[in-house]
Each structure stands twice: as C-alpha cells, then as structure tokens.
Amino acid sequence: MDQERSGRNINKLWAMILLGIVYSSLLYYQRTLTGVNKVDGFIGVLLGLYICSHPVANVLDMFFFRRGDRRQFSSRWSAVLWIVLNIAVFLIGWFVIFVGTTRLVGRVD
C-alpha cells in the first residue's frame, strides 16, 4: 500500500516495458499490424508517448512534489533501481516513437 500511495508502481512500469517490446516485436516479425504503414506509425507514436509519460510523471513527482520526503525510498540502492527502471521505460518509449515515426513518414515499398 505504501508503494501505491507514493506513486511508485513497479508493475505499471514493467507493463509499459512489455507493451513496448510487444509492439516492436509484432512489427519486426509480422511487418505490419493493420496493413497500412501510416496507421501502424500513428499507433506507434501514440503508444510511445504513452509509455514515456509514466516515467516522466514519476520523475517530476519525485523532484518537485516529494522533495522533502526522505522516507520515500528505503535505501539509496532502491532509489537508484527506481531511477534506472524509469530510464529503461523512457528509452523503450523513445524507441517505440522512433519505430512509429519511421513507419509514419517512411516511403512505401
């Protein structure tokens, strides 16, 4: 309950990682989701923005709204792991945006 109250939901971040990997894998192995590259790209850009929004919200919350709360993390190691997980989710979101953008503006073969 403390984890949920403080806004640190690790399961949500893992779900975002899984969502980004599934989208990228489907495009890699099947070459298309809908049959139209522009629609696949639009889905990818929106999905990537959604994935990136979670770690950005977590970091903003940590830096601006819980600045004086030292009890937010049980140890320095847990704080480092939390930040690394947020960075990983953010990078996967960027990758999904990149894949979606290349689908969106790429030429048709």
N, C-alpha and C. Protein backbone atom coordinates (compact mmCIF):
# COMPACT_ATOMS: atom_id res chain seq x y z
N MET A 1 0.82 -1.19 0.00
CA MET A 1 0.00 0.00 0.00
C MET A 1 0.86 1.26 0.00
N ASP A 2 1.99 1.23 0.71
CA ASP A 2 2.88 2.38 0.74
C ASP A 2 3.45 2.66 -0.64
N GLN A 3 3.75 1.60 -1.36
CA GLN A 3 4.27 1.76 -2.71
C GLN A 3 3.24 2.42 -3.62
N GLU A 4 2.00 2.02 -3.50
CA GLU A 4 0.93 2.59 -4.31
C GLU A 4 0.68 4.06 -3.94
N ARG A 5 0.73 4.34 -2.66
CA ARG A 5 0.46 5.70 -2.19
C ARG A 5 1.55 6.66 -2.63
N SER A 6 2.79 6.22 -2.66
CA SER A 6 3.88 7.11 -3.03
C SER A 6 4.04 7.25 -4.53
N GLY A 7 3.24 6.57 -5.30
CA GLY A 7 3.30 6.72 -6.74
C GLY A 7 4.31 5.82 -7.41
N ARG A 8 4.97 4.97 -6.66
CA ARG A 8 5.98 4.08 -7.24
C ARG A 8 5.34 2.73 -7.53
N ASN A 9 4.79 2.58 -8.71
CA ASN A 9 4.15 1.34 -9.08
C ASN A 9 5.04 0.61 -10.08
N ILE A 10 5.81 -0.33 -9.56
CA ILE A 10 6.78 -1.05 -10.37
C ILE A 10 6.08 -1.92 -11.41
N ASN A 11 4.94 -2.49 -11.05
CA ASN A 11 4.23 -3.34 -12.00
C ASN A 11 3.77 -2.55 -13.22
N LYS A 12 3.38 -1.32 -13.04
CA LYS A 12 2.96 -0.48 -14.17
C LYS A 12 4.14 -0.21 -15.10
N LEU A 13 5.32 0.01 -14.53
CA LEU A 13 6.50 0.25 -15.36
C LEU A 13 6.89 -1.01 -16.14
N TRP A 14 6.81 -2.16 -15.48
CA TRP A 14 7.10 -3.41 -16.19
C TRP A 14 6.08 -3.66 -17.30
N ALA A 15 4.84 -3.29 -17.06
CA ALA A 15 3.81 -3.43 -18.10
C ALA A 15 4.11 -2.52 -19.29
N MET A 16 4.62 -1.33 -19.03
CA MET A 16 4.99 -0.43 -20.13
C MET A 16 6.16 -0.99 -20.94
N ILE A 17 7.12 -1.60 -20.24
CA ILE A 17 8.23 -2.24 -20.94
C ILE A 17 7.72 -3.37 -21.82
N LEU A 18 6.85 -4.19 -21.27
CA LEU A 18 6.29 -5.31 -22.02
C LEU A 18 5.49 -4.82 -23.22
N LEU A 19 4.71 -3.77 -23.05
CA LEU A 19 3.91 -3.21 -24.13
C LEU A 19 4.80 -2.71 -25.28
N GLY A 20 5.86 -2.03 -24.94
CA GLY A 20 6.79 -1.55 -25.97
C GLY A 20 7.49 -2.68 -26.69
N ILE A 21 7.88 -3.72 -25.96
CA ILE A 21 8.54 -4.86 -26.58
C ILE A 21 7.58 -5.63 -27.48
N VAL A 22 6.34 -5.78 -27.04
CA VAL A 22 5.34 -6.49 -27.85
C VAL A 22 5.07 -5.73 -29.15
N TYR A 23 4.88 -4.42 -29.07
CA TYR A 23 4.64 -3.62 -30.28
C TYR A 23 5.82 -3.75 -31.25
N SER A 24 7.03 -3.57 -30.74
CA SER A 24 8.20 -3.63 -31.60
C SER A 24 8.39 -5.02 -32.19
N SER A 25 8.14 -6.05 -31.40
CA SER A 25 8.29 -7.43 -31.88
C SER A 25 7.26 -7.75 -32.96
N LEU A 26 6.02 -7.32 -32.75
CA LEU A 26 5.00 -7.56 -33.75
C LEU A 26 5.34 -6.91 -35.08
N LEU A 27 5.84 -5.69 -35.04
CA LEU A 27 6.23 -5.02 -36.28
C LEU A 27 7.45 -5.68 -36.91
N TYR A 28 8.35 -6.19 -36.09
CA TYR A 28 9.54 -6.82 -36.63
C TYR A 28 9.20 -8.15 -37.30
N TYR A 29 8.39 -8.96 -36.66
CA TYR A 29 8.11 -10.30 -37.18
C TYR A 29 6.99 -10.33 -38.20
N GLN A 30 5.97 -9.48 -38.06
CA GLN A 30 4.85 -9.52 -38.99
C GLN A 30 4.90 -8.39 -40.01
N ARG A 31 5.79 -7.45 -39.84
CA ARG A 31 5.98 -6.31 -40.73
C ARG A 31 4.85 -5.29 -40.72
N THR A 32 3.69 -5.65 -40.21
CA THR A 32 2.58 -4.71 -40.13
C THR A 32 1.57 -5.18 -39.10
N LEU A 33 0.87 -4.23 -38.52
CA LEU A 33 -0.21 -4.57 -37.59
C LEU A 33 -1.57 -4.47 -38.27
N THR A 34 -1.74 -3.39 -39.02
CA THR A 34 -3.03 -3.14 -39.63
C THR A 34 -3.03 -3.30 -41.14
N GLY A 35 -1.86 -3.41 -41.74
CA GLY A 35 -1.77 -3.48 -43.20
C GLY A 35 -1.46 -2.13 -43.83
N VAL A 36 -1.52 -1.06 -43.05
CA VAL A 36 -1.25 0.29 -43.54
C VAL A 36 -0.13 0.88 -42.70
N ASN A 37 0.99 1.24 -43.35
CA ASN A 37 2.15 1.76 -42.61
C ASN A 37 1.83 3.03 -41.85
N LYS A 38 1.03 3.91 -42.43
CA LYS A 38 0.71 5.17 -41.75
C LYS A 38 -0.07 4.92 -40.45
N VAL A 39 -0.99 3.98 -40.47
CA VAL A 39 -1.76 3.67 -39.26
C VAL A 39 -0.86 3.00 -38.23
N ASP A 40 0.00 2.09 -38.68
CA ASP A 40 0.95 1.45 -37.75
C ASP A 40 1.86 2.50 -37.11
N GLY A 41 2.30 3.47 -37.91
CA GLY A 41 3.16 4.53 -37.39
C GLY A 41 2.43 5.42 -36.40
N PHE A 42 1.18 5.75 -36.70
CA PHE A 42 0.38 6.57 -35.80
C PHE A 42 0.18 5.86 -34.47
N ILE A 43 -0.11 4.56 -34.53
CA ILE A 43 -0.26 3.77 -33.30
C ILE A 43 1.05 3.76 -32.52
N GLY A 44 2.17 3.60 -33.22
CA GLY A 44 3.47 3.57 -32.57
C GLY A 44 3.82 4.87 -31.88
N VAL A 45 3.56 5.99 -32.55
CA VAL A 45 3.89 7.29 -31.95
C VAL A 45 3.03 7.52 -30.70
N LEU A 46 1.74 7.25 -30.81
CA LEU A 46 0.87 7.44 -29.64
C LEU A 46 1.24 6.49 -28.50
N LEU A 47 1.54 5.24 -28.84
CA LEU A 47 1.94 4.28 -27.81
C LEU A 47 3.25 4.68 -27.16
N GLY A 48 4.20 5.14 -27.95
CA GLY A 48 5.48 5.59 -27.40
C GLY A 48 5.33 6.79 -26.48
N LEU A 49 4.47 7.74 -26.86
CA LEU A 49 4.21 8.88 -26.00
C LEU A 49 3.55 8.45 -24.69
N TYR A 50 2.65 7.49 -24.78
CA TYR A 50 2.00 6.98 -23.57
C TYR A 50 3.02 6.28 -22.67
N ILE A 51 3.89 5.49 -23.26
CA ILE A 51 4.91 4.78 -22.48
C ILE A 51 5.85 5.78 -21.81
N CYS A 52 6.27 6.80 -22.54
CA CYS A 52 7.20 7.80 -22.00
C CYS A 52 6.55 8.66 -20.91
N SER A 53 5.24 8.78 -20.93
CA SER A 53 4.59 9.67 -19.97
C SER A 53 4.70 9.16 -18.54
N HIS A 54 4.75 7.87 -18.34
CA HIS A 54 4.80 7.32 -16.98
C HIS A 54 6.11 7.62 -16.25
N PRO A 55 7.27 7.34 -16.85
CA PRO A 55 8.50 7.69 -16.12
C PRO A 55 8.69 9.20 -15.96
N VAL A 56 8.24 9.98 -16.94
CA VAL A 56 8.36 11.43 -16.81
C VAL A 56 7.51 11.92 -15.63
N ALA A 57 6.30 11.40 -15.52
CA ALA A 57 5.45 11.78 -14.39
C ALA A 57 6.07 11.36 -13.06
N ASN A 58 6.68 10.19 -13.03
CA ASN A 58 7.32 9.72 -11.79
C ASN A 58 8.49 10.60 -11.39
N VAL A 59 9.31 10.98 -12.35
CA VAL A 59 10.47 11.81 -12.04
C VAL A 59 10.04 13.21 -11.62
N LEU A 60 9.07 13.77 -12.33
CA LEU A 60 8.58 15.10 -11.92
C LEU A 60 7.97 15.06 -10.53
N ASP A 61 7.24 14.01 -10.25
CA ASP A 61 6.66 13.87 -8.92
C ASP A 61 7.75 13.75 -7.86
N MET A 62 8.79 12.99 -8.17
CA MET A 62 9.87 12.79 -7.20
C MET A 62 10.64 14.09 -6.95
N PHE A 63 10.92 14.84 -8.00
CA PHE A 63 11.73 16.04 -7.84
C PHE A 63 10.96 17.24 -7.31
N PHE A 64 9.71 17.40 -7.70
CA PHE A 64 9.00 18.62 -7.35
C PHE A 64 8.01 18.47 -6.21
N PHE A 65 7.32 17.36 -6.13
CA PHE A 65 6.26 17.24 -5.15
C PHE A 65 6.66 16.51 -3.89
N ARG A 66 7.68 15.70 -3.94
CA ARG A 66 8.12 14.95 -2.75
C ARG A 66 9.57 15.29 -2.41
N ARG A 67 9.91 16.54 -2.60
CA ARG A 67 11.29 16.96 -2.43
C ARG A 67 11.81 16.75 -1.01
N GLY A 68 11.02 17.03 -0.01
CA GLY A 68 11.49 16.94 1.36
C GLY A 68 11.23 15.60 2.01
N ASP A 69 10.62 14.69 1.30
CA ASP A 69 10.25 13.39 1.87
C ASP A 69 11.41 12.40 1.72
N ARG A 70 12.20 12.24 2.77
CA ARG A 70 13.34 11.33 2.74
C ARG A 70 12.92 9.87 2.89
N ARG A 71 11.71 9.63 3.39
CA ARG A 71 11.25 8.27 3.62
C ARG A 71 10.65 7.64 2.37
N GLN A 72 10.77 8.30 1.24
CA GLN A 72 10.19 7.80 0.01
C GLN A 72 10.85 6.48 -0.41
N PHE A 73 12.14 6.36 -0.21
CA PHE A 73 12.88 5.15 -0.56
C PHE A 73 13.48 4.56 0.71
N SER A 74 13.48 3.23 0.77
CA SER A 74 14.00 2.58 1.96
C SER A 74 15.52 2.64 2.03
N SER A 75 16.19 2.73 0.88
CA SER A 75 17.65 2.83 0.86
C SER A 75 18.07 3.57 -0.40
N ARG A 76 19.32 3.91 -0.44
CA ARG A 76 19.86 4.58 -1.62
C ARG A 76 19.83 3.63 -2.81
N TRP A 77 20.05 2.34 -2.58
CA TRP A 77 20.03 1.35 -3.64
C TRP A 77 18.64 1.25 -4.28
N SER A 78 17.60 1.29 -3.49
CA SER A 78 16.25 1.23 -4.06
C SER A 78 15.94 2.48 -4.87
N ALA A 79 16.48 3.62 -4.46
CA ALA A 79 16.29 4.85 -5.24
C ALA A 79 16.99 4.75 -6.59
N VAL A 80 18.19 4.18 -6.60
CA VAL A 80 18.93 4.02 -7.85
C VAL A 80 18.20 3.04 -8.77
N LEU A 81 17.72 1.95 -8.24
CA LEU A 81 16.99 0.98 -9.05
C LEU A 81 15.71 1.59 -9.62
N TRP A 82 15.02 2.41 -8.83
CA TRP A 82 13.81 3.06 -9.28
C TRP A 82 14.11 4.00 -10.45
N ILE A 83 15.18 4.76 -10.35
CA ILE A 83 15.55 5.69 -11.41
C ILE A 83 15.99 4.93 -12.66
N VAL A 84 16.75 3.84 -12.49
CA VAL A 84 17.18 3.04 -13.64
C VAL A 84 15.98 2.42 -14.36
N LEU A 85 15.00 1.93 -13.61
CA LEU A 85 13.80 1.36 -14.23
C LEU A 85 13.03 2.44 -14.99
N ASN A 86 12.93 3.62 -14.44
CA ASN A 86 12.26 4.72 -15.15
C ASN A 86 13.00 5.11 -16.42
N ILE A 87 14.32 5.12 -16.37
CA ILE A 87 15.11 5.43 -17.56
C ILE A 87 14.92 4.35 -18.62
N ALA A 88 14.89 3.09 -18.21
CA ALA A 88 14.68 1.99 -19.17
C ALA A 88 13.32 2.12 -19.85
N VAL A 89 12.29 2.42 -19.09
CA VAL A 89 10.95 2.59 -19.67
C VAL A 89 10.95 3.77 -20.63
N PHE A 90 11.60 4.85 -20.25
CA PHE A 90 11.65 6.03 -21.10
C PHE A 90 12.37 5.74 -22.42
N LEU A 91 13.47 5.00 -22.35
CA LEU A 91 14.22 4.66 -23.57
C LEU A 91 13.41 3.73 -24.48
N ILE A 92 12.69 2.80 -23.90
CA ILE A 92 11.84 1.93 -24.71
C ILE A 92 10.73 2.75 -25.35
N GLY A 93 10.18 3.69 -24.62
CA GLY A 93 9.17 4.58 -25.20
C GLY A 93 9.73 5.39 -26.37
N TRP A 94 10.96 5.89 -26.23
CA TRP A 94 11.61 6.60 -27.33
C TRP A 94 11.80 5.68 -28.53
N PHE A 95 12.19 4.45 -28.28
CA PHE A 95 12.37 3.51 -29.38
C PHE A 95 11.06 3.26 -30.11
N VAL A 96 9.97 3.11 -29.37
CA VAL A 96 8.66 2.90 -29.98
C VAL A 96 8.25 4.13 -30.79
N ILE A 97 8.53 5.32 -30.28
CA ILE A 97 8.25 6.54 -31.04
C ILE A 97 9.07 6.56 -32.32
N PHE A 98 10.33 6.18 -32.23
CA PHE A 98 11.21 6.15 -33.41
C PHE A 98 10.68 5.16 -34.46
N VAL A 99 10.32 3.97 -34.02
CA VAL A 99 9.79 2.97 -34.95
C VAL A 99 8.49 3.47 -35.57
N GLY A 100 7.62 4.05 -34.75
CA GLY A 100 6.37 4.58 -35.26
C GLY A 100 6.58 5.72 -36.24
N THR A 101 7.52 6.59 -35.95
CA THR A 101 7.80 7.71 -36.84
C THR A 101 8.36 7.24 -38.17
N THR A 102 9.24 6.27 -38.14
CA THR A 102 9.77 5.76 -39.40
C THR A 102 8.67 5.08 -40.22
N ARG A 103 7.72 4.45 -39.57
CA ARG A 103 6.57 3.88 -40.29
C ARG A 103 5.69 5.00 -40.84
N LEU A 104 5.54 6.04 -40.07
CA LEU A 104 4.62 7.13 -40.44
C LEU A 104 5.14 7.92 -41.64
N VAL A 105 6.42 8.22 -41.67
CA VAL A 105 6.96 9.06 -42.73
C VAL A 105 7.77 8.28 -43.75
N GLY A 106 7.91 6.97 -43.54
CA GLY A 106 8.70 6.16 -44.47
C GLY A 106 8.03 6.03 -45.82
N ARG A 107 8.83 5.73 -46.80
CA ARG A 107 8.27 5.55 -48.15
C ARG A 107 7.67 4.17 -48.28
N VAL A 108 6.73 4.04 -49.16
CA VAL A 108 6.04 2.78 -49.39
C VAL A 108 6.85 1.98 -50.39
N ASP A 109 7.13 0.72 -50.04
CA ASP A 109 7.89 -0.15 -50.95
C ASP A 109 6.99 -0.89 -51.88
